[in-house]
Amino acid sequence: MRNVTSMIAGAAFVAALAMPVFAADMTVKGEVVDIACATGKKEAGKGDAHAACAMTCAKSGQPVGVLTADAIYTVTGDYAANKNAKLLDFVAKKVIVTGEVTESDGVKSINVKSIKLAS
């Protein structure tokens, strides 16, 4: 019986870890980047100098995110569908994005509800 209780408690703990830490609508401001280059190339993976590469990655369906001053939010949902079709006009540009933000295992995601160019 003790082993069964331990197994159930362990399974519940693992399930809780897999759930998002929070889910709330937020507005973030940052640059639309391809995740691989923004995390792998650091400064060289963003901005005008990297725009052509970022566009190629986005068009091929690679994960795209919003790089803010303190985090990268992976874009999910409709804006990530069809090889990021709804995001292509915003790649390598500063934007203001509103959507549902979740975080799981330290990875932040945003299910975009609206996006506009930052002024």
PDB file of N, CA and C in Angstrom:
ATOM      1  N   MET A   1       0.827  -1.194   0.000  1.00  0.00           N
ATOM      2  CA  MET A   1       0.000   0.000   0.000  1.00  0.00           C
ATOM      3  C   MET A   1       0.869   1.255   0.000  1.00  0.00           C
ATOM      4  N   ARG A   2       1.943   1.196   0.754  1.00  0.00           N
ATOM      5  CA  ARG A   2       2.831   2.356   0.855  1.00  0.00           C
ATOM      6  C   ARG A   2       3.443   2.695  -0.506  1.00  0.00           C
ATOM      7  N   ASN A   3       3.835   1.662  -1.263  1.00  0.00           N
ATOM      8  CA  ASN A   3       4.408   1.885  -2.587  1.00  0.00           C
ATOM      9  C   ASN A   3       3.387   2.489  -3.546  1.00  0.00           C
ATOM     10  N   VAL A   4       2.146   2.028  -3.464  1.00  0.00           N
ATOM     11  CA  VAL A   4       1.089   2.561  -4.322  1.00  0.00           C
ATOM     12  C   VAL A   4       0.859   4.038  -4.019  1.00  0.00           C
ATOM     13  N   THR A   5       0.805   4.384  -2.749  1.00  0.00           N
ATOM     14  CA  THR A   5       0.618   5.784  -2.353  1.00  0.00           C
ATOM     15  C   THR A   5       1.775   6.641  -2.845  1.00  0.00           C
ATOM     16  N   SER A   6       2.991   6.128  -2.727  1.00  0.00           N
ATOM     17  CA  SER A   6       4.168   6.864  -3.201  1.00  0.00           C
ATOM     18  C   SER A   6       4.117   7.060  -4.708  1.00  0.00           C
ATOM     19  N   MET A   7       3.690   6.022  -5.430  1.00  0.00           N
ATOM     20  CA  MET A   7       3.603   6.119  -6.888  1.00  0.00           C
ATOM     21  C   MET A   7       2.549   7.143  -7.301  1.00  0.00           C
ATOM     22  N   ILE A   8       1.415   7.145  -6.641  1.00  0.00           N
ATOM     23  CA  ILE A   8       0.357   8.108  -6.961  1.00  0.00           C
ATOM     24  C   ILE A   8       0.826   9.525  -6.659  1.00  0.00           C
ATOM     25  N   ALA A   9       1.457   9.720  -5.521  1.00  0.00           N
ATOM     26  CA  ALA A   9       1.967  11.050  -5.165  1.00  0.00           C
ATOM     27  C   ALA A   9       3.024  11.498  -6.159  1.00  0.00           C
ATOM     28  N   GLY A  10       3.892  10.586  -6.566  1.00  0.00           N
ATOM     29  CA  GLY A  10       4.929  10.915  -7.548  1.00  0.00           C
ATOM     30  C   GLY A  10       4.331  11.286  -8.893  1.00  0.00           C
ATOM     31  N   ALA A  11       3.339  10.537  -9.331  1.00  0.00           N
ATOM     32  CA  ALA A  11       2.682  10.830 -10.605  1.00  0.00           C
ATOM     33  C   ALA A  11       1.984  12.184 -10.562  1.00  0.00           C
ATOM     34  N   ALA A  12       1.341  12.499  -9.454  1.00  0.00           N
ATOM     35  CA  ALA A  12       0.673  13.798  -9.312  1.00  0.00           C
ATOM     36  C   ALA A  12       1.687  14.935  -9.344  1.00  0.00           C
ATOM     37  N   PHE A  13       2.833  14.725  -8.716  1.00  0.00           N
ATOM     38  CA  PHE A  13       3.882  15.745  -8.706  1.00  0.00           C
ATOM     39  C   PHE A  13       4.410  15.990 -10.117  1.00  0.00           C
ATOM     40  N   VAL A  14       4.686  14.915 -10.858  1.00  0.00           N
ATOM     41  CA  VAL A  14       5.179  15.046 -12.230  1.00  0.00           C
ATOM     42  C   VAL A  14       4.135  15.735 -13.099  1.00  0.00           C
ATOM     43  N   ALA A  15       2.876  15.388 -12.948  1.00  0.00           N
ATOM     44  CA  ALA A  15       1.808  16.025 -13.724  1.00  0.00           C
ATOM     45  C   ALA A  15       1.734  17.514 -13.417  1.00  0.00           C
ATOM     46  N   ALA A  16       1.909  17.875 -12.170  1.00  0.00           N
ATOM     47  CA  ALA A  16       1.868  19.293 -11.791  1.00  0.00           C
ATOM     48  C   ALA A  16       3.022  20.055 -12.415  1.00  0.00           C
ATOM     49  N   LEU A  17       4.182  19.431 -12.523  1.00  0.00           N
ATOM     50  CA  LEU A  17       5.332  20.090 -13.150  1.00  0.00           C
ATOM     51  C   LEU A  17       5.104  20.323 -14.634  1.00  0.00           C
ATOM     52  N   ALA A  18       4.380  19.426 -15.273  1.00  0.00           N
ATOM     53  CA  ALA A  18       4.139  19.544 -16.704  1.00  0.00           C
ATOM     54  C   ALA A  18       3.123  20.626 -17.038  1.00  0.00           C
ATOM     55  N   MET A  19       2.340  21.039 -16.080  1.00  0.00           N
ATOM     56  CA  MET A  19       1.326  22.062 -16.314  1.00  0.00           C
ATOM     57  C   MET A  19       1.979  23.438 -16.344  1.00  0.00           C
ATOM     58  N   PRO A  20       1.430  24.364 -17.124  1.00  0.00           N
ATOM     59  CA  PRO A  20       1.971  25.717 -17.125  1.00  0.00           C
ATOM     60  C   PRO A  20       1.947  26.323 -15.728  1.00  0.00           C
ATOM     61  N   VAL A  21       2.960  27.137 -15.453  1.00  0.00           N
ATOM     62  CA  VAL A  21       3.047  27.795 -14.159  1.00  0.00           C
ATOM     63  C   VAL A  21       1.931  28.824 -14.030  1.00  0.00           C
ATOM     64  N   PHE A  22       1.635  29.525 -15.105  1.00  0.00           N
ATOM     65  CA  PHE A  22       0.553  30.499 -15.091  1.00  0.00           C
ATOM     66  C   PHE A  22       0.039  30.670 -16.509  1.00  0.00           C
ATOM     67  N   ALA A  23      -1.132  31.201 -16.656  1.00  0.00           N
ATOM     68  CA  ALA A  23      -1.698  31.535 -17.957  1.00  0.00           C
ATOM     69  C   ALA A  23      -2.484  32.820 -17.778  1.00  0.00           C
ATOM     70  N   ALA A  24      -2.009  33.874 -18.391  1.00  0.00           N
ATOM     71  CA  ALA A  24      -2.663  35.169 -18.234  1.00  0.00           C
ATOM     72  C   ALA A  24      -2.440  36.006 -19.476  1.00  0.00           C
ATOM     73  N   ASP A  25      -3.418  36.850 -19.802  1.00  0.00           N
ATOM     74  CA  ASP A  25      -3.238  37.779 -20.911  1.00  0.00           C
ATOM     75  C   ASP A  25      -2.222  38.836 -20.514  1.00  0.00           C
ATOM     76  N   MET A  26      -1.288  39.081 -21.415  1.00  0.00           N
ATOM     77  CA  MET A  26      -0.251  40.082 -21.189  1.00  0.00           C
ATOM     78  C   MET A  26       0.034  40.794 -22.495  1.00  0.00           C
ATOM     79  N   THR A  27       0.650  41.950 -22.382  1.00  0.00           N
ATOM     80  CA  THR A  27       1.159  42.675 -23.538  1.00  0.00           C
ATOM     81  C   THR A  27       2.661  42.779 -23.374  1.00  0.00           C
ATOM     82  N   VAL A  28       3.388  42.380 -24.420  1.00  0.00           N
ATOM     83  CA  VAL A  28       4.844  42.450 -24.396  1.00  0.00           C
ATOM     84  C   VAL A  28       5.324  43.244 -25.601  1.00  0.00           C
ATOM     85  N   LYS A  29       6.473  43.874 -25.441  1.00  0.00           N
ATOM     86  CA  LYS A  29       7.063  44.663 -26.516  1.00  0.00           C
ATOM     87  C   LYS A  29       8.445  44.101 -26.806  1.00  0.00           C
ATOM     88  N   GLY A  30       8.711  43.842 -28.078  1.00  0.00           N
ATOM     89  CA  GLY A  30      10.008  43.300 -28.445  1.00  0.00           C
ATOM     90  C   GLY A  30      10.124  43.112 -29.940  1.00  0.00           C
ATOM     91  N   GLU A  31      11.133  42.347 -30.334  1.00  0.00           N
ATOM     92  CA  GLU A  31      11.409  42.093 -31.746  1.00  0.00           C
ATOM     93  C   GLU A  31      10.983  40.680 -32.098  1.00  0.00           C
ATOM     94  N   VAL A  32      10.357  40.516 -33.266  1.00  0.00           N
ATOM     95  CA  VAL A  32      10.004  39.186 -33.746  1.00  0.00           C
ATOM     96  C   VAL A  32      11.271  38.556 -34.328  1.00  0.00           C
ATOM     97  N   VAL A  33      11.671  37.427 -33.754  1.00  0.00           N
ATOM     98  CA  VAL A  33      12.920  36.761 -34.132  1.00  0.00           C
ATOM     99  C   VAL A  33      12.663  35.279 -34.372  1.00  0.00           C
ATOM    100  N   ASP A  34      13.599  34.643 -35.102  1.00  0.00           N
ATOM    101  CA  ASP A  34      13.547  33.186 -35.154  1.00  0.00           C
ATOM    102  C   ASP A  34      14.293  32.688 -33.919  1.00  0.00           C
ATOM    103  N   ILE A  35      13.687  31.763 -33.224  1.00  0.00           N
ATOM    104  CA  ILE A  35      14.188  31.315 -31.923  1.00  0.00           C
ATOM    105  C   ILE A  35      15.607  30.756 -32.012  1.00  0.00           C
ATOM    106  N   ALA A  36      15.882  29.940 -33.020  1.00  0.00           N
ATOM    107  CA  ALA A  36      17.192  29.282 -33.106  1.00  0.00           C
ATOM    108  C   ALA A  36      18.325  30.297 -33.181  1.00  0.00           C
ATOM    109  N   CYS A  37      18.201  31.262 -34.045  1.00  0.00           N
ATOM    110  CA  CYS A  37      19.274  32.252 -34.191  1.00  0.00           C
ATOM    111  C   CYS A  37      19.333  33.212 -33.007  1.00  0.00           C
ATOM    112  N   ALA A  38      18.189  33.591 -32.490  1.00  0.00           N
ATOM    113  CA  ALA A  38      18.174  34.531 -31.362  1.00  0.00           C
ATOM    114  C   ALA A  38      18.812  33.926 -30.122  1.00  0.00           C
ATOM    115  N   THR A  39      18.665  32.624 -29.946  1.00  0.00           N
ATOM    116  CA  THR A  39      19.267  31.988 -28.771  1.00  0.00           C
ATOM    117  C   THR A  39      20.680  31.499 -29.053  1.00  0.00           C
ATOM    118  N   GLY A  40      20.952  31.102 -30.278  1.00  0.00           N
ATOM    119  CA  GLY A  40      22.270  30.559 -30.602  1.00  0.00           C
ATOM    120  C   GLY A  40      23.311  31.590 -30.972  1.00  0.00           C
ATOM    121  N   LYS A  41      22.887  32.654 -31.632  1.00  0.00           N
ATOM    122  CA  LYS A  41      23.826  33.668 -32.109  1.00  0.00           C
ATOM    123  C   LYS A  41      23.834  34.925 -31.257  1.00  0.00           C
ATOM    124  N   LYS A  42      22.975  34.969 -30.251  1.00  0.00           N
ATOM    125  CA  LYS A  42      22.854  36.123 -29.342  1.00  0.00           C
ATOM    126  C   LYS A  42      22.642  37.417 -30.127  1.00  0.00           C
ATOM    127  N   GLU A  43      23.545  38.384 -30.018  1.00  0.00           N
ATOM    128  CA  GLU A  43      23.376  39.695 -30.662  1.00  0.00           C
ATOM    129  C   GLU A  43      23.307  39.583 -32.182  1.00  0.00           C
ATOM    130  N   ALA A  44      24.062  38.643 -32.767  1.00  0.00           N
ATOM    131  CA  ALA A  44      24.068  38.491 -34.223  1.00  0.00           C
ATOM    132  C   ALA A  44      22.767  37.889 -34.741  1.00  0.00           C
ATOM    133  N   GLY A  45      21.923  37.367 -33.869  1.00  0.00           N
ATOM    134  CA  GLY A  45      20.687  36.720 -34.274  1.00  0.00           C
ATOM    135  C   GLY A  45      19.468  37.611 -34.214  1.00  0.00           C
ATOM    136  N   LYS A  46      19.678  38.920 -34.236  1.00  0.00           N
ATOM    137  CA  LYS A  46      18.538  39.839 -34.190  1.00  0.00           C
ATOM    138  C   LYS A  46      18.880  41.118 -34.940  1.00  0.00           C
ATOM    139  N   GLY A  47      17.878  41.961 -35.121  1.00  0.00           N
ATOM    140  CA  GLY A  47      18.087  43.257 -35.756  1.00  0.00           C
ATOM    141  C   GLY A  47      18.107  43.212 -37.272  1.00  0.00           C
ATOM    142  N   ASP A  48      18.326  44.388 -37.862  1.00  0.00           N
ATOM    143  CA  ASP A  48      18.308  44.529 -39.319  1.00  0.00           C
ATOM    144  C   ASP A  48      19.321  43.634 -40.014  1.00  0.00           C
ATOM    145  N   ALA A  49      20.492  43.463 -39.423  1.00  0.00           N
ATOM    146  CA  ALA A  49      21.539  42.654 -40.046  1.00  0.00           C
ATOM    147  C   ALA A  49      21.130  41.188 -40.168  1.00  0.00           C
ATOM    148  N   HIS A  50      20.194  40.773 -39.352  1.00  0.00           N
ATOM    149  CA  HIS A  50      19.769  39.374 -39.357  1.00  0.00           C
ATOM    150  C   HIS A  50      18.381  39.189 -39.990  1.00  0.00           C
ATOM    151  N   ALA A  51      17.801  40.233 -40.516  1.00  0.00           N
ATOM    152  CA  ALA A  51      16.419  40.182 -41.007  1.00  0.00           C
ATOM    153  C   ALA A  51      16.207  39.145 -42.105  1.00  0.00           C
ATOM    154  N   ALA A  52      17.109  39.067 -43.075  1.00  0.00           N
ATOM    155  CA  ALA A  52      16.932  38.121 -44.184  1.00  0.00           C
ATOM    156  C   ALA A  52      16.957  36.678 -43.686  1.00  0.00           C
ATOM    157  N   CYS A  53      17.878  36.369 -42.791  1.00  0.00           N
ATOM    158  CA  CYS A  53      17.968  35.017 -42.233  1.00  0.00           C
ATOM    159  C   CYS A  53      16.723  34.703 -41.405  1.00  0.00           C
ATOM    160  N   ALA A  54      16.295  35.659 -40.600  1.00  0.00           N
ATOM    161  CA  ALA A  54      15.101  35.460 -39.776  1.00  0.00           C
ATOM    162  C   ALA A  54      13.874  35.197 -40.649  1.00  0.00           C
ATOM    163  N   MET A  55      13.771  35.917 -41.762  1.00  0.00           N
ATOM    164  CA  MET A  55      12.642  35.720 -42.673  1.00  0.00           C
ATOM    165  C   MET A  55      12.686  34.324 -43.296  1.00  0.00           C
ATOM    166  N   THR A  56      13.871  33.882 -43.694  1.00  0.00           N
ATOM    167  CA  THR A  56      14.013  32.543 -44.269  1.00  0.00           C
ATOM    168  C   THR A  56      13.576  31.480 -43.267  1.00  0.00           C
ATOM    169  N   CYS A  57      14.025  31.621 -42.032  1.00  0.00           N
ATOM    170  CA  CYS A  57      13.652  30.655 -40.990  1.00  0.00           C
ATOM    171  C   CYS A  57      12.148  30.687 -40.722  1.00  0.00           C
ATOM    172  N   ALA A  58      11.584  31.883 -40.627  1.00  0.00           N
ATOM    173  CA  ALA A  58      10.148  32.014 -40.355  1.00  0.00           C
ATOM    174  C   ALA A  58       9.323  31.405 -41.483  1.00  0.00           C
ATOM    175  N   LYS A  59       9.705  31.678 -42.736  1.00  0.00           N
ATOM    176  CA  LYS A  59       8.968  31.139 -43.882  1.00  0.00           C
ATOM    177  C   LYS A  59       9.040  29.622 -43.952  1.00  0.00           C
ATOM    178  N   SER A  60      10.122  29.054 -43.426  1.00  0.00           N
ATOM    179  CA  SER A  60      10.259  27.595 -43.460  1.00  0.00           C
ATOM    180  C   SER A  60       9.513  26.925 -42.303  1.00  0.00           C
ATOM    181  N   GLY A  61       8.906  27.737 -41.439  1.00  0.00           N
ATOM    182  CA  GLY A  61       8.118  27.186 -40.343  1.00  0.00           C
ATOM    183  C   GLY A  61       8.886  26.978 -39.057  1.00  0.00           C
ATOM    184  N   GLN A  62      10.109  27.506 -38.986  1.00  0.00           N
ATOM    185  CA  GLN A  62      10.880  27.400 -37.749  1.00  0.00           C
ATOM    186  C   GLN A  62      10.175  28.191 -36.645  1.00  0.00           C
ATOM    187  N   PRO A  63      10.356  27.801 -35.389  1.00  0.00           N
ATOM    188  CA  PRO A  63       9.717  28.540 -34.293  1.00  0.00           C
ATOM    189  C   PRO A  63      10.142  30.008 -34.264  1.00  0.00           C
ATOM    190  N   VAL A  64       9.163  30.871 -34.069  1.00  0.00           N
ATOM    191  CA  VAL A  64       9.374  32.316 -34.033  1.00  0.00           C
ATOM    192  C   VAL A  64       8.967  32.796 -32.648  1.00  0.00           C
ATOM    193  N   GLY A  65       9.630  33.842 -32.190  1.00  0.00           N
ATOM    194  CA  GLY A  65       9.311  34.366 -30.875  1.00  0.00           C
ATOM    195  C   GLY A  65       9.398  35.870 -30.826  1.00  0.00           C
ATOM    196  N   VAL A  66       9.032  36.408 -29.683  1.00  0.00           N
ATOM    197  CA  VAL A  66       9.154  37.842 -29.422  1.00  0.00           C
ATOM    198  C   VAL A  66      10.260  38.000 -28.384  1.00  0.00           C
ATOM    199  N   LEU A  67      11.341  38.652 -28.794  1.00  0.00           N
ATOM    200  CA  LEU A  67      12.488  38.888 -27.924  1.00  0.00           C
ATOM    201  C   LEU A  67      12.289  40.214 -27.208  1.00  0.00           C
ATOM    202  N   THR A  68      12.111  40.148 -25.889  1.00  0.00           N
ATOM    203  CA  THR A  68      11.943  41.356 -25.079  1.00  0.00           C
ATOM    204  C   THR A  68      13.262  41.643 -24.367  1.00  0.00           C
ATOM    205  N   ALA A  69      13.270  42.642 -23.526  1.00  0.00           N
ATOM    206  CA  ALA A  69      14.482  42.988 -22.785  1.00  0.00           C
ATOM    207  C   ALA A  69      14.913  41.879 -21.834  1.00  0.00           C
ATOM    208  N   ASP A  70      13.961  41.044 -21.394  1.00  0.00           N
ATOM    209  CA  ASP A  70      14.322  40.038 -20.395  1.00  0.00           C
ATOM    210  C   ASP A  70      13.897  38.606 -20.701  1.00  0.00           C
ATOM    211  N   ALA A  71      13.318  38.351 -21.880  1.00  0.00           N
ATOM    212  CA  ALA A  71      12.864  36.989 -22.178  1.00  0.00           C
ATOM    213  C   ALA A  71      12.591  36.824 -23.667  1.00  0.00           C
ATOM    214  N   ILE A  72      12.449  35.574 -24.066  1.00  0.00           N
ATOM    215  CA  ILE A  72      11.953  35.246 -25.401  1.00  0.00           C
ATOM    216  C   ILE A  72      10.642  34.496 -25.203  1.00  0.00           C
ATOM    217  N   TYR A  73       9.589  34.961 -25.867  1.00  0.00           N
ATOM    218  CA  TYR A  73       8.277  34.328 -25.816  1.00  0.00           C
ATOM    219  C   TYR A  73       8.057  33.605 -27.143  1.00  0.00           C
ATOM    220  N   THR A  74       7.979  32.296 -27.118  1.00  0.00           N
ATOM    221  CA  THR A  74       7.707  31.529 -28.323  1.00  0.00           C
ATOM    222  C   THR A  74       6.261  31.771 -28.736  1.00  0.00           C
ATOM    223  N   VAL A  75       6.061  32.109 -30.010  1.00  0.00           N
ATOM    224  CA  VAL A  75       4.714  32.371 -30.518  1.00  0.00           C
ATOM    225  C   VAL A  75       4.022  31.039 -30.794  1.00  0.00           C
ATOM    226  N   THR A  76       2.784  30.914 -30.299  1.00  0.00           N
ATOM    227  CA  THR A  76       1.986  29.709 -30.504  1.00  0.00           C
ATOM    228  C   THR A  76       0.625  30.098 -31.077  1.00  0.00           C
ATOM    229  N   GLY A  77      -0.157  29.100 -31.418  1.00  0.00           N
ATOM    230  CA  GLY A  77      -1.520  29.345 -31.881  1.00  0.00           C
ATOM    231  C   GLY A  77      -1.594  29.744 -33.342  1.00  0.00           C
ATOM    232  N   ASP A  78      -2.649  30.493 -33.683  1.00  0.00           N
ATOM    233  CA  ASP A  78      -2.920  30.864 -35.072  1.00  0.00           C
ATOM    234  C   ASP A  78      -1.761  31.606 -35.734  1.00  0.00           C
ATOM    235  N   TYR A  79      -1.061  32.428 -34.991  1.00  0.00           N
ATOM    236  CA  TYR A  79       0.023  33.206 -35.583  1.00  0.00           C
ATOM    237  C   TYR A  79       1.242  32.348 -35.911  1.00  0.00           C
ATOM    238  N   ALA A  80       1.343  31.176 -35.350  1.00  0.00           N
ATOM    239  CA  ALA A  80       2.442  30.265 -35.663  1.00  0.00           C
ATOM    240  C   ALA A  80       2.032  29.249 -36.737  1.00  0.00           C
ATOM    241  N   ALA A  81       0.746  29.192 -37.049  1.00  0.00           N
ATOM    242  CA  ALA A  81       0.241  28.220 -38.018  1.00  0.00           C
ATOM    243  C   ALA A  81       0.667  28.576 -39.438  1.00  0.00           C
ATOM    244  N   ASN A  82       0.575  27.593 -40.310  1.00  0.00           N
ATOM    245  CA  ASN A  82       0.878  27.787 -41.735  1.00  0.00           C
ATOM    246  C   ASN A  82       2.228  28.449 -41.948  1.00  0.00           C
ATOM    247  N   LYS A  83       3.235  27.903 -41.277  1.00  0.00           N
ATOM    248  CA  LYS A  83       4.609  28.412 -41.396  1.00  0.00           C
ATOM    249  C   LYS A  83       4.685  29.894 -41.063  1.00  0.00           C
ATOM    250  N   ASN A  84       4.060  30.264 -39.972  1.00  0.00           N
ATOM    251  CA  ASN A  84       4.131  31.635 -39.444  1.00  0.00           C
ATOM    252  C   ASN A  84       3.552  32.684 -40.396  1.00  0.00           C
ATOM    253  N   ALA A  85       2.607  32.294 -41.233  1.00  0.00           N
ATOM    254  CA  ALA A  85       2.087  33.185 -42.276  1.00  0.00           C
ATOM    255  C   ALA A  85       1.633  34.544 -41.749  1.00  0.00           C
ATOM    256  N   LYS A  86       0.967  34.578 -40.603  1.00  0.00           N
ATOM    257  CA  LYS A  86       0.458  35.849 -40.071  1.00  0.00           C
ATOM    258  C   LYS A  86       1.552  36.714 -39.457  1.00  0.00           C
ATOM    259  N   LEU A  87       2.742  36.155 -39.257  1.00  0.00           N
ATOM    260  CA  LEU A  87       3.832  36.908 -38.625  1.00  0.00           C
ATOM    261  C   LEU A  87       4.844  37.463 -39.612  1.00  0.00           C
ATOM    262  N   LEU A  88       4.812  37.019 -40.851  1.00  0.00           N
ATOM    263  CA  LEU A  88       5.877  37.362 -41.794  1.00  0.00           C
ATOM    264  C   LEU A  88       6.071  38.865 -41.971  1.00  0.00           C
ATOM    265  N   ASP A  89       5.005  39.649 -41.913  1.00  0.00           N
ATOM    266  CA  ASP A  89       5.138  41.107 -42.052  1.00  0.00           C
ATOM    267  C   ASP A  89       5.827  41.749 -40.849  1.00  0.00           C
ATOM    268  N   PHE A  90       5.993  40.992 -39.775  1.00  0.00           N
ATOM    269  CA  PHE A  90       6.553  41.551 -38.540  1.00  0.00           C
ATOM    270  C   PHE A  90       7.957  41.031 -38.209  1.00  0.00           C
ATOM    271  N   VAL A  91       8.470  40.091 -38.998  1.00  0.00           N
ATOM    272  CA  VAL A  91       9.774  39.489 -38.706  1.00  0.00           C
ATOM    273  C   VAL A  91      10.862  40.556 -38.699  1.00  0.00           C
ATOM    274  N   ALA A  92      11.687  40.527 -37.663  1.00  0.00           N
ATOM    275  CA  ALA A  92      12.828  41.444 -37.465  1.00  0.00           C
ATOM    276  C   ALA A  92      12.381  42.886 -37.209  1.00  0.00           C
ATOM    277  N   LYS A  93      11.132  43.046 -36.791  1.00  0.00           N
ATOM    278  CA  LYS A  93      10.624  44.388 -36.473  1.00  0.00           C
ATOM    279  C   LYS A  93      10.221  44.440 -35.003  1.00  0.00           C
ATOM    280  N   LYS A  94      10.225  45.650 -34.451  1.00  0.00           N
ATOM    281  CA  LYS A  94       9.764  45.868 -33.078  1.00  0.00           C
ATOM    282  C   LYS A  94       8.242  45.877 -33.087  1.00  0.00           C
ATOM    283  N   VAL A  95       7.660  45.129 -32.170  1.00  0.00           N
ATOM    284  CA  VAL A  95       6.209  44.972 -32.136  1.00  0.00           C
ATOM    285  C   VAL A  95       5.681  45.069 -30.709  1.00  0.00           C
ATOM    286  N   ILE A  96       4.374  45.250 -30.633  1.00  0.00           N
ATOM    287  CA  ILE A  96       3.641  45.149 -29.371  1.00  0.00           C
ATOM    288  C   ILE A  96       2.648  44.008 -29.566  1.00  0.00           C
ATOM    289  N   VAL A  97       2.763  42.994 -28.716  1.00  0.00           N
ATOM    290  CA  VAL A  97       1.966  41.782 -28.850  1.00  0.00           C
ATOM    291  C   VAL A  97       1.130  41.581 -27.586  1.00  0.00           C
ATOM    292  N   THR A  98      -0.137  41.264 -27.784  1.00  0.00           N
ATOM    293  CA  THR A  98      -1.010  40.913 -26.674  1.00  0.00           C
ATOM    294  C   THR A  98      -1.478  39.482 -26.888  1.00  0.00           C
ATOM    295  N   GLY A  99      -1.460  38.703 -25.812  1.00  0.00           N
ATOM    296  CA  GLY A  99      -1.913  37.329 -25.911  1.00  0.00           C
ATOM    297  C   GLY A  99      -1.810  36.616 -24.584  1.00  0.00           C
ATOM    298  N   GLU A 100      -2.199  35.352 -24.605  1.00  0.00           N
ATOM    299  CA  GLU A 100      -2.149  34.543 -23.393  1.00  0.00           C
ATOM    300  C   GLU A 100      -0.736  33.994 -23.215  1.00  0.00           C
ATOM    301  N   VAL A 101      -0.116  34.353 -22.120  1.00  0.00           N
ATOM    302  CA  VAL A 101       1.250  33.922 -21.819  1.00  0.00           C
ATOM    303  C   VAL A 101       1.208  32.730 -20.875  1.00  0.00           C
ATOM    304  N   THR A 102       1.987  31.725 -21.213  1.00  0.00           N
ATOM    305  CA  THR A 102       2.163  30.568 -20.341  1.00  0.00           C
ATOM    306  C   THR A 102       3.654  30.326 -20.154  1.00  0.00           C
ATOM    307  N   GLU A 103       3.979  29.634 -19.086  1.00  0.00           N
ATOM    308  CA  GLU A 103       5.369  29.264 -18.839  1.00  0.00           C
ATOM    309  C   GLU A 103       5.394  27.845 -18.312  1.00  0.00           C
ATOM    310  N   SER A 104       6.239  27.037 -18.908  1.00  0.00           N
ATOM    311  CA  SER A 104       6.388  25.657 -18.480  1.00  0.00           C
ATOM    312  C   SER A 104       7.853  25.274 -18.582  1.00  0.00           C
ATOM    313  N   ASP A 105       8.397  24.760 -17.512  1.00  0.00           N
ATOM    314  CA  ASP A 105       9.809  24.370 -17.463  1.00  0.00           C
ATOM    315  C   ASP A 105      10.731  25.508 -17.887  1.00  0.00           C
ATOM    316  N   GLY A 106      10.380  26.727 -17.531  1.00  0.00           N
ATOM    317  CA  GLY A 106      11.216  27.881 -17.829  1.00  0.00           C
ATOM    318  C   GLY A 106      11.063  28.447 -19.227  1.00  0.00           C
ATOM    319  N   VAL A 107      10.210  27.842 -20.053  1.00  0.00           N
ATOM    320  CA  VAL A 107       9.991  28.313 -21.423  1.00  0.00           C
ATOM    321  C   VAL A 107       8.702  29.122 -21.453  1.00  0.00           C
ATOM    322  N   LYS A 108       8.810  30.368 -21.922  1.00  0.00           N
ATOM    323  CA  LYS A 108       7.637  31.239 -22.010  1.00  0.00           C
ATOM    324  C   LYS A 108       7.069  31.187 -23.424  1.00  0.00           C
ATOM    325  N   SER A 109       5.751  31.146 -23.511  1.00  0.00           N
ATOM    326  CA  SER A 109       5.054  31.137 -24.796  1.00  0.00           C
ATOM    327  C   SER A 109       3.954  32.174 -24.760  1.00  0.00           C
ATOM    328  N   ILE A 110       3.607  32.669 -25.954  1.00  0.00           N
ATOM    329  CA  ILE A 110       2.493  33.607 -26.057  1.00  0.00           C
ATOM    330  C   ILE A 110       1.610  33.184 -27.220  1.00  0.00           C
ATOM    331  N   ASN A 111       0.336  32.954 -26.923  1.00  0.00           N
ATOM    332  CA  ASN A 111      -0.668  32.673 -27.938  1.00  0.00           C
ATOM    333  C   ASN A 111      -1.216  34.035 -28.352  1.00  0.00           C
ATOM    334  N   VAL A 112      -0.725  34.533 -29.466  1.00  0.00           N
ATOM    335  CA  VAL A 112      -0.968  35.911 -29.891  1.00  0.00           C
ATOM    336  C   VAL A 112      -2.435  36.136 -30.225  1.00  0.00           C
ATOM    337  N   LYS A 113      -2.989  37.206 -29.652  1.00  0.00           N
ATOM    338  CA  LYS A 113      -4.346  37.655 -29.974  1.00  0.00           C
ATOM    339  C   LYS A 113      -4.296  38.877 -30.874  1.00  0.00           C
ATOM    340  N   SER A 114      -3.287  39.737 -30.654  1.00  0.00           N
ATOM    341  CA  SER A 114      -3.115  40.912 -31.517  1.00  0.00           C
ATOM    342  C   SER A 114      -1.641  41.276 -31.569  1.00  0.00           C
ATOM    343  N   ILE A 115      -1.272  41.878 -32.691  1.00  0.00           N
ATOM    344  CA  ILE A 115       0.106  42.313 -32.880  1.00  0.00           C
ATOM    345  C   ILE A 115       0.090  43.581 -33.721  1.00  0.00           C
ATOM    346  N   LYS A 116       0.958  44.517 -33.366  1.00  0.00           N
ATOM    347  CA  LYS A 116       1.089  45.737 -34.155  1.00  0.00           C
ATOM    348  C   LYS A 116       2.528  46.214 -34.056  1.00  0.00           C
ATOM    349  N   LEU A 117       2.929  46.995 -35.051  1.00  0.00           N
ATOM    350  CA  LEU A 117       4.271  47.560 -35.028  1.00  0.00           C
ATOM    351  C   LEU A 117       4.386  48.549 -33.884  1.00  0.00           C
ATOM    352  N   ALA A 118       5.518  48.518 -33.213  1.00  0.00           N
ATOM    353  CA  ALA A 118       5.775  49.477 -32.138  1.00  0.00           C
ATOM    354  C   ALA A 118       6.153  50.811 -32.763  1.00  0.00           C
ATOM    355  N   SER A 119       5.763  51.873 -32.114  1.00  0.00           N
ATOM    356  CA  SER A 119       6.088  53.199 -32.660  1.00  0.00           C
ATOM    357  C   SER A 119       7.378  53.712 -32.091  1.00  0.00           C
TER     358      SER A 119
END
